[in-house]
Amino acid sequence: MSVDGIKDSFEATIPKNHKLADNKELVIRTSSFVSERTYAIASTKASIDIDRKIVESLKKGKKIKVTVYEK
């Protein structure tokens, strides 16, 4: 992910055969819990671990770019 040139990354697993059903939110979880909002599980970072500069930029309305790679 990147915001204003600030980059951070993590790994997570997209559950097999899972359909994201929420059209407003997607959640990347550190746990294995899956709901209709869950996009990925077993993340190597929680929200608290994301670079605080990214969080502050998002609070100011900056746009985030998220790139997903398949392993």
PDB file of N, CA and C in Angstrom:
ATOM      1  N   MET A   1       0.845  -1.159   0.000  1.00  0.00           N
ATOM      2  CA  MET A   1       0.000   0.000   0.000  1.00  0.00           C
ATOM      3  C   MET A   1       0.890   1.220   0.000  1.00  0.00           C
ATOM      4  N   SER A   2       0.376   2.314  -0.590  1.00  0.00           N
ATOM      5  CA  SER A   2       1.139   3.555  -0.570  1.00  0.00           C
ATOM      6  C   SER A   2       0.197   4.758  -0.531  1.00  0.00           C
ATOM      7  N   VAL A   3       0.653   5.773   0.173  1.00  0.00           N
ATOM      8  CA  VAL A   3      -0.058   7.046   0.290  1.00  0.00           C
ATOM      9  C   VAL A   3       0.997   8.134   0.268  1.00  0.00           C
ATOM     10  N   ASP A   4       0.877   9.068  -0.651  1.00  0.00           N
ATOM     11  CA  ASP A   4       1.831  10.188  -0.715  1.00  0.00           C
ATOM     12  C   ASP A   4       3.285   9.726  -0.733  1.00  0.00           C
ATOM     13  N   GLY A   5       3.588   8.636  -1.415  1.00  0.00           N
ATOM     14  CA  GLY A   5       4.956   8.136  -1.510  1.00  0.00           C
ATOM     15  C   GLY A   5       5.419   7.325  -0.316  1.00  0.00           C
ATOM     16  N   ILE A   6       4.585   7.180   0.697  1.00  0.00           N
ATOM     17  CA  ILE A   6       4.916   6.374   1.877  1.00  0.00           C
ATOM     18  C   ILE A   6       4.400   4.966   1.622  1.00  0.00           C
ATOM     19  N   LYS A   7       5.271   3.974   1.765  1.00  0.00           N
ATOM     20  CA  LYS A   7       4.883   2.600   1.452  1.00  0.00           C
ATOM     21  C   LYS A   7       4.954   1.706   2.680  1.00  0.00           C
ATOM     22  N   ASP A   8       4.079   0.717   2.701  1.00  0.00           N
ATOM     23  CA  ASP A   8       4.083  -0.315   3.735  1.00  0.00           C
ATOM     24  C   ASP A   8       3.543  -1.579   3.078  1.00  0.00           C
ATOM     25  N   SER A   9       3.882  -2.729   3.633  1.00  0.00           N
ATOM     26  CA  SER A   9       3.396  -3.976   3.033  1.00  0.00           C
ATOM     27  C   SER A   9       3.174  -5.037   4.100  1.00  0.00           C
ATOM     28  N   PHE A  10       2.423  -6.047   3.722  1.00  0.00           N
ATOM     29  CA  PHE A  10       2.146  -7.187   4.587  1.00  0.00           C
ATOM     30  C   PHE A  10       1.674  -8.325   3.706  1.00  0.00           C
ATOM     31  N   GLU A  11       1.586  -9.509   4.276  1.00  0.00           N
ATOM     32  CA  GLU A  11       1.062 -10.672   3.564  1.00  0.00           C
ATOM     33  C   GLU A  11      -0.185 -11.159   4.271  1.00  0.00           C
ATOM     34  N   ALA A  12      -1.119 -11.700   3.490  1.00  0.00           N
ATOM     35  CA  ALA A  12      -2.358 -12.261   4.029  1.00  0.00           C
ATOM     36  C   ALA A  12      -2.865 -13.303   3.036  1.00  0.00           C
ATOM     37  N   THR A  13      -3.813 -14.112   3.484  1.00  0.00           N
ATOM     38  CA  THR A  13      -4.369 -15.178   2.656  1.00  0.00           C
ATOM     39  C   THR A  13      -5.833 -14.885   2.352  1.00  0.00           C
ATOM     40  N   ILE A  14      -6.202 -14.983   1.080  1.00  0.00           N
ATOM     41  CA  ILE A  14      -7.605 -14.842   0.698  1.00  0.00           C
ATOM     42  C   ILE A  14      -8.243 -16.217   0.824  1.00  0.00           C
ATOM     43  N   PRO A  15      -9.284 -16.360   1.657  1.00  0.00           N
ATOM     44  CA  PRO A  15      -9.904 -17.678   1.860  1.00  0.00           C
ATOM     45  C   PRO A  15     -10.467 -18.252   0.555  1.00  0.00           C
ATOM     46  N   LYS A  16     -10.246 -19.533   0.340  1.00  0.00           N
ATOM     47  CA  LYS A  16     -10.763 -20.202  -0.861  1.00  0.00           C
ATOM     48  C   LYS A  16     -12.286 -20.214  -0.840  1.00  0.00           C
ATOM     49  N   ASN A  17     -12.871 -20.034  -2.006  1.00  0.00           N
ATOM     50  CA  ASN A  17     -14.328 -20.084  -2.204  1.00  0.00           C
ATOM     51  C   ASN A  17     -15.106 -19.070  -1.370  1.00  0.00           C
ATOM     52  N   HIS A  18     -14.435 -18.050  -0.870  1.00  0.00           N
ATOM     53  CA  HIS A  18     -15.131 -17.044  -0.063  1.00  0.00           C
ATOM     54  C   HIS A  18     -15.560 -15.893  -0.959  1.00  0.00           C
ATOM     55  N   LYS A  19     -16.774 -15.434  -0.768  1.00  0.00           N
ATOM     56  CA  LYS A  19     -17.303 -14.308  -1.532  1.00  0.00           C
ATOM     57  C   LYS A  19     -17.437 -13.100  -0.608  1.00  0.00           C
ATOM     58  N   LEU A  20     -16.771 -12.032  -0.971  1.00  0.00           N
ATOM     59  CA  LEU A  20     -16.889 -10.779  -0.235  1.00  0.00           C
ATOM     60  C   LEU A  20     -18.272 -10.216  -0.529  1.00  0.00           C
ATOM     61  N   ALA A  21     -19.103 -10.051   0.497  1.00  0.00           N
ATOM     62  CA  ALA A  21     -20.496  -9.668   0.288  1.00  0.00           C
ATOM     63  C   ALA A  21     -20.819  -8.242   0.730  1.00  0.00           C
ATOM     64  N   ASP A  22     -19.910  -7.562   1.370  1.00  0.00           N
ATOM     65  CA  ASP A  22     -20.168  -6.204   1.838  1.00  0.00           C
ATOM     66  C   ASP A  22     -19.661  -5.216   0.790  1.00  0.00           C
ATOM     67  N   ASN A  23     -20.511  -4.302   0.344  1.00  0.00           N
ATOM     68  CA  ASN A  23     -20.090  -3.364  -0.699  1.00  0.00           C
ATOM     69  C   ASN A  23     -19.528  -2.051  -0.147  1.00  0.00           C
ATOM     70  N   LYS A  24     -19.387  -1.945   1.166  1.00  0.00           N
ATOM     71  CA  LYS A  24     -18.845  -0.729   1.766  1.00  0.00           C
ATOM     72  C   LYS A  24     -17.522  -0.947   2.487  1.00  0.00           C
ATOM     73  N   GLU A  25     -17.283  -2.156   2.960  1.00  0.00           N
ATOM     74  CA  GLU A  25     -16.078  -2.420   3.748  1.00  0.00           C
ATOM     75  C   GLU A  25     -15.423  -3.719   3.313  1.00  0.00           C
ATOM     76  N   LEU A  26     -14.110  -3.757   3.452  1.00  0.00           N
ATOM     77  CA  LEU A  26     -13.408  -5.027   3.356  1.00  0.00           C
ATOM     78  C   LEU A  26     -12.405  -5.055   4.489  1.00  0.00           C
ATOM     79  N   VAL A  27     -12.283  -6.212   5.105  1.00  0.00           N
ATOM     80  CA  VAL A  27     -11.458  -6.359   6.295  1.00  0.00           C
ATOM     81  C   VAL A  27     -10.359  -7.376   6.021  1.00  0.00           C
ATOM     82  N   ILE A  28      -9.146  -7.018   6.406  1.00  0.00           N
ATOM     83  CA  ILE A  28      -8.020  -7.941   6.356  1.00  0.00           C
ATOM     84  C   ILE A  28      -7.694  -8.251   7.805  1.00  0.00           C
ATOM     85  N   ARG A  29      -7.788  -9.518   8.162  1.00  0.00           N
ATOM     86  CA  ARG A  29      -7.689  -9.927   9.564  1.00  0.00           C
ATOM     87  C   ARG A  29      -6.385 -10.663   9.871  1.00  0.00           C
ATOM     88  N   THR A  30      -5.921 -10.530  11.099  1.00  0.00           N
ATOM     89  CA  THR A  30      -4.774 -11.326  11.546  1.00  0.00           C
ATOM     90  C   THR A  30      -5.232 -12.718  11.971  1.00  0.00           C
ATOM     91  N   SER A  31      -6.502 -12.854  12.291  1.00  0.00           N
ATOM     92  CA  SER A  31      -7.066 -14.139  12.735  1.00  0.00           C
ATOM     93  C   SER A  31      -7.564 -14.941  11.533  1.00  0.00           C
ATOM     94  N   SER A  32      -8.227 -16.051  11.807  1.00  0.00           N
ATOM     95  CA  SER A  32      -8.806 -16.878  10.738  1.00  0.00           C
ATOM     96  C   SER A  32     -10.322 -16.682  10.638  1.00  0.00           C
ATOM     97  N   PHE A  33     -10.862 -15.722  11.394  1.00  0.00           N
ATOM     98  CA  PHE A  33     -12.300 -15.448  11.366  1.00  0.00           C
ATOM     99  C   PHE A  33     -12.712 -14.926   9.986  1.00  0.00           C
ATOM    100  N   VAL A  34     -13.811 -15.457   9.448  1.00  0.00           N
ATOM    101  CA  VAL A  34     -14.308 -15.036   8.140  1.00  0.00           C
ATOM    102  C   VAL A  34     -15.763 -14.592   8.271  1.00  0.00           C
ATOM    103  N   SER A  35     -16.068 -13.421   7.722  1.00  0.00           N
ATOM    104  CA  SER A  35     -17.445 -12.925   7.657  1.00  0.00           C
ATOM    105  C   SER A  35     -17.659 -12.358   6.260  1.00  0.00           C
ATOM    106  N   GLU A  36     -18.832 -11.787   6.021  1.00  0.00           N
ATOM    107  CA  GLU A  36     -19.101 -11.226   4.697  1.00  0.00           C
ATOM    108  C   GLU A  36     -18.237 -10.006   4.396  1.00  0.00           C
ATOM    109  N   ARG A  37     -17.631  -9.402   5.414  1.00  0.00           N
ATOM    110  CA  ARG A  37     -16.727  -8.258   5.221  1.00  0.00           C
ATOM    111  C   ARG A  37     -15.279  -8.679   5.028  1.00  0.00           C
ATOM    112  N   THR A  38     -14.962  -9.938   5.301  1.00  0.00           N
ATOM    113  CA  THR A  38     -13.579 -10.412   5.270  1.00  0.00           C
ATOM    114  C   THR A  38     -13.059 -10.515   3.842  1.00  0.00           C
ATOM    115  N   TYR A  39     -11.936  -9.856   3.583  1.00  0.00           N
ATOM    116  CA  TYR A  39     -11.253  -9.984   2.296  1.00  0.00           C
ATOM    117  C   TYR A  39     -10.111 -10.987   2.414  1.00  0.00           C
ATOM    118  N   ALA A  40      -9.358 -10.913   3.529  1.00  0.00           N
ATOM    119  CA  ALA A  40      -8.216 -11.806   3.714  1.00  0.00           C
ATOM    120  C   ALA A  40      -8.021 -12.094   5.200  1.00  0.00           C
ATOM    121  N   ILE A  41      -7.335 -13.216   5.472  1.00  0.00           N
ATOM    122  CA  ILE A  41      -7.068 -13.649   6.848  1.00  0.00           C
ATOM    123  C   ILE A  41      -5.569 -13.909   7.025  1.00  0.00           C
ATOM    124  N   ALA A  42      -5.177 -14.176   8.245  1.00  0.00           N
ATOM    125  CA  ALA A  42      -3.784 -14.510   8.588  1.00  0.00           C
ATOM    126  C   ALA A  42      -2.807 -13.425   8.128  1.00  0.00           C
ATOM    127  N   SER A  43      -3.206 -12.185   8.296  1.00  0.00           N
ATOM    128  CA  SER A  43      -2.356 -11.062   7.914  1.00  0.00           C
ATOM    129  C   SER A  43      -1.133 -10.985   8.822  1.00  0.00           C
ATOM    130  N   THR A  44      -0.019 -10.586   8.244  1.00  0.00           N
ATOM    131  CA  THR A  44       1.207 -10.425   9.029  1.00  0.00           C
ATOM    132  C   THR A  44       1.244  -9.085   9.765  1.00  0.00           C
ATOM    133  N   LYS A  45       0.246  -8.226   9.512  1.00  0.00           N
ATOM    134  CA  LYS A  45       0.155  -6.950  10.230  1.00  0.00           C
ATOM    135  C   LYS A  45      -1.283  -6.681  10.633  1.00  0.00           C
ATOM    136  N   ALA A  46      -1.429  -6.071  11.796  1.00  0.00           N
ATOM    137  CA  ALA A  46      -2.717  -5.540  12.244  1.00  0.00           C
ATOM    138  C   ALA A  46      -2.714  -4.039  11.944  1.00  0.00           C
ATOM    139  N   SER A  47      -3.845  -3.395  12.080  1.00  0.00           N
ATOM    140  CA  SER A  47      -3.918  -1.960  11.781  1.00  0.00           C
ATOM    141  C   SER A  47      -2.927  -1.147  12.618  1.00  0.00           C
ATOM    142  N   ILE A  48      -2.685  -1.561  13.835  1.00  0.00           N
ATOM    143  CA  ILE A  48      -1.744  -0.849  14.711  1.00  0.00           C
ATOM    144  C   ILE A  48      -0.309  -0.913  14.188  1.00  0.00           C
ATOM    145  N   ASP A  49      -0.019  -1.901  13.342  1.00  0.00           N
ATOM    146  CA  ASP A  49       1.331  -2.096  12.816  1.00  0.00           C
ATOM    147  C   ASP A  49       1.601  -1.313  11.532  1.00  0.00           C
ATOM    148  N   ILE A  50       0.572  -0.734  10.940  1.00  0.00           N
ATOM    149  CA  ILE A  50       0.739   0.034   9.705  1.00  0.00           C
ATOM    150  C   ILE A  50       1.457   1.344  10.019  1.00  0.00           C
ATOM    151  N   ASP A  51       2.364   1.733   9.134  1.00  0.00           N
ATOM    152  CA  ASP A  51       3.134   2.967   9.301  1.00  0.00           C
ATOM    153  C   ASP A  51       2.187   4.116   9.655  1.00  0.00           C
ATOM    154  N   ARG A  52       2.433   4.769  10.777  1.00  0.00           N
ATOM    155  CA  ARG A  52       1.559   5.850  11.258  1.00  0.00           C
ATOM    156  C   ARG A  52       1.496   7.021  10.286  1.00  0.00           C
ATOM    157  N   LYS A  53       2.536   7.216   9.462  1.00  0.00           N
ATOM    158  CA  LYS A  53       2.497   8.294   8.465  1.00  0.00           C
ATOM    159  C   LYS A  53       1.388   8.027   7.444  1.00  0.00           C
ATOM    160  N   ILE A  54       1.174   6.755   7.110  1.00  0.00           N
ATOM    161  CA  ILE A  54       0.088   6.392   6.196  1.00  0.00           C
ATOM    162  C   ILE A  54      -1.253   6.712   6.846  1.00  0.00           C
ATOM    163  N   VAL A  55      -1.404   6.335   8.090  1.00  0.00           N
ATOM    164  CA  VAL A  55      -2.654   6.579   8.813  1.00  0.00           C
ATOM    165  C   VAL A  55      -2.948   8.078   8.873  1.00  0.00           C
ATOM    166  N   GLU A  56      -1.949   8.873   9.198  1.00  0.00           N
ATOM    167  CA  GLU A  56      -2.145  10.324   9.292  1.00  0.00           C
ATOM    168  C   GLU A  56      -2.508  10.926   7.935  1.00  0.00           C
ATOM    169  N   SER A  57      -1.895  10.440   6.868  1.00  0.00           N
ATOM    170  CA  SER A  57      -2.229  10.927   5.524  1.00  0.00           C
ATOM    171  C   SER A  57      -3.667  10.587   5.162  1.00  0.00           C
ATOM    172  N   LEU A  58      -4.111   9.388   5.530  1.00  0.00           N
ATOM    173  CA  LEU A  58      -5.492   8.985   5.251  1.00  0.00           C
ATOM    174  C   LEU A  58      -6.485   9.847   6.027  1.00  0.00           C
ATOM    175  N   LYS A  59      -6.131  10.210   7.255  1.00  0.00           N
ATOM    176  CA  LYS A  59      -6.996  11.082   8.056  1.00  0.00           C
ATOM    177  C   LYS A  59      -7.177  12.442   7.396  1.00  0.00           C
ATOM    178  N   LYS A  60      -6.169  12.864   6.618  1.00  0.00           N
ATOM    179  CA  LYS A  60      -6.226  14.150   5.921  1.00  0.00           C
ATOM    180  C   LYS A  60      -6.934  14.033   4.575  1.00  0.00           C
ATOM    181  N   GLY A  61      -7.464  12.849   4.275  1.00  0.00           N
ATOM    182  CA  GLY A  61      -8.220  12.671   3.038  1.00  0.00           C
ATOM    183  C   GLY A  61      -7.414  12.215   1.839  1.00  0.00           C
ATOM    184  N   LYS A  62      -6.153  11.887   2.047  1.00  0.00           N
ATOM    185  CA  LYS A  62      -5.322  11.405   0.942  1.00  0.00           C
ATOM    186  C   LYS A  62      -5.828  10.052   0.467  1.00  0.00           C
ATOM    187  N   LYS A  63      -5.588   9.745  -0.793  1.00  0.00           N
ATOM    188  CA  LYS A  63      -6.021   8.468  -1.368  1.00  0.00           C
ATOM    189  C   LYS A  63      -4.935   7.416  -1.193  1.00  0.00           C
ATOM    190  N   ILE A  64      -5.382   6.183  -0.978  1.00  0.00           N
ATOM    191  CA  ILE A  64      -4.466   5.063  -0.810  1.00  0.00           C
ATOM    192  C   ILE A  64      -4.462   4.221  -2.079  1.00  0.00           C
ATOM    193  N   LYS A  65      -3.303   3.702  -2.422  1.00  0.00           N
ATOM    194  CA  LYS A  65      -3.183   2.759  -3.534  1.00  0.00           C
ATOM    195  C   LYS A  65      -2.799   1.416  -2.926  1.00  0.00           C
ATOM    196  N   VAL A  66      -3.605   0.402  -3.214  1.00  0.00           N
ATOM    197  CA  VAL A  66      -3.348  -0.944  -2.698  1.00  0.00           C
ATOM    198  C   VAL A  66      -3.082  -1.859  -3.883  1.00  0.00           C
ATOM    199  N   THR A  67      -1.985  -2.576  -3.828  1.00  0.00           N
ATOM    200  CA  THR A  67      -1.624  -3.523  -4.876  1.00  0.00           C
ATOM    201  C   THR A  67      -1.637  -4.919  -4.282  1.00  0.00           C
ATOM    202  N   VAL A  68      -2.321  -5.844  -4.957  1.00  0.00           N
ATOM    203  CA  VAL A  68      -2.425  -7.226  -4.480  1.00  0.00           C
ATOM    204  C   VAL A  68      -1.643  -8.117  -5.434  1.00  0.00           C
ATOM    205  N   TYR A  69      -0.748  -8.924  -4.865  1.00  0.00           N
ATOM    206  CA  TYR A  69       0.046  -9.869  -5.645  1.00  0.00           C
ATOM    207  C   TYR A  69      -0.315 -11.285  -5.252  1.00  0.00           C
ATOM    208  N   GLU A  70      -0.333 -12.167  -6.231  1.00  0.00           N
ATOM    209  CA  GLU A  70      -0.565 -13.584  -5.947  1.00  0.00           C
ATOM    210  C   GLU A  70       0.783 -14.269  -5.806  1.00  0.00           C
ATOM    211  N   LYS A  71       0.895 -15.104  -4.774  1.00  0.00           N
ATOM    212  CA  LYS A  71       2.137 -15.846  -4.543  1.00  0.00           C
ATOM    213  C   LYS A  71       2.083 -17.180  -5.208  1.00  0.00           C
TER     214      LYS A  71
END
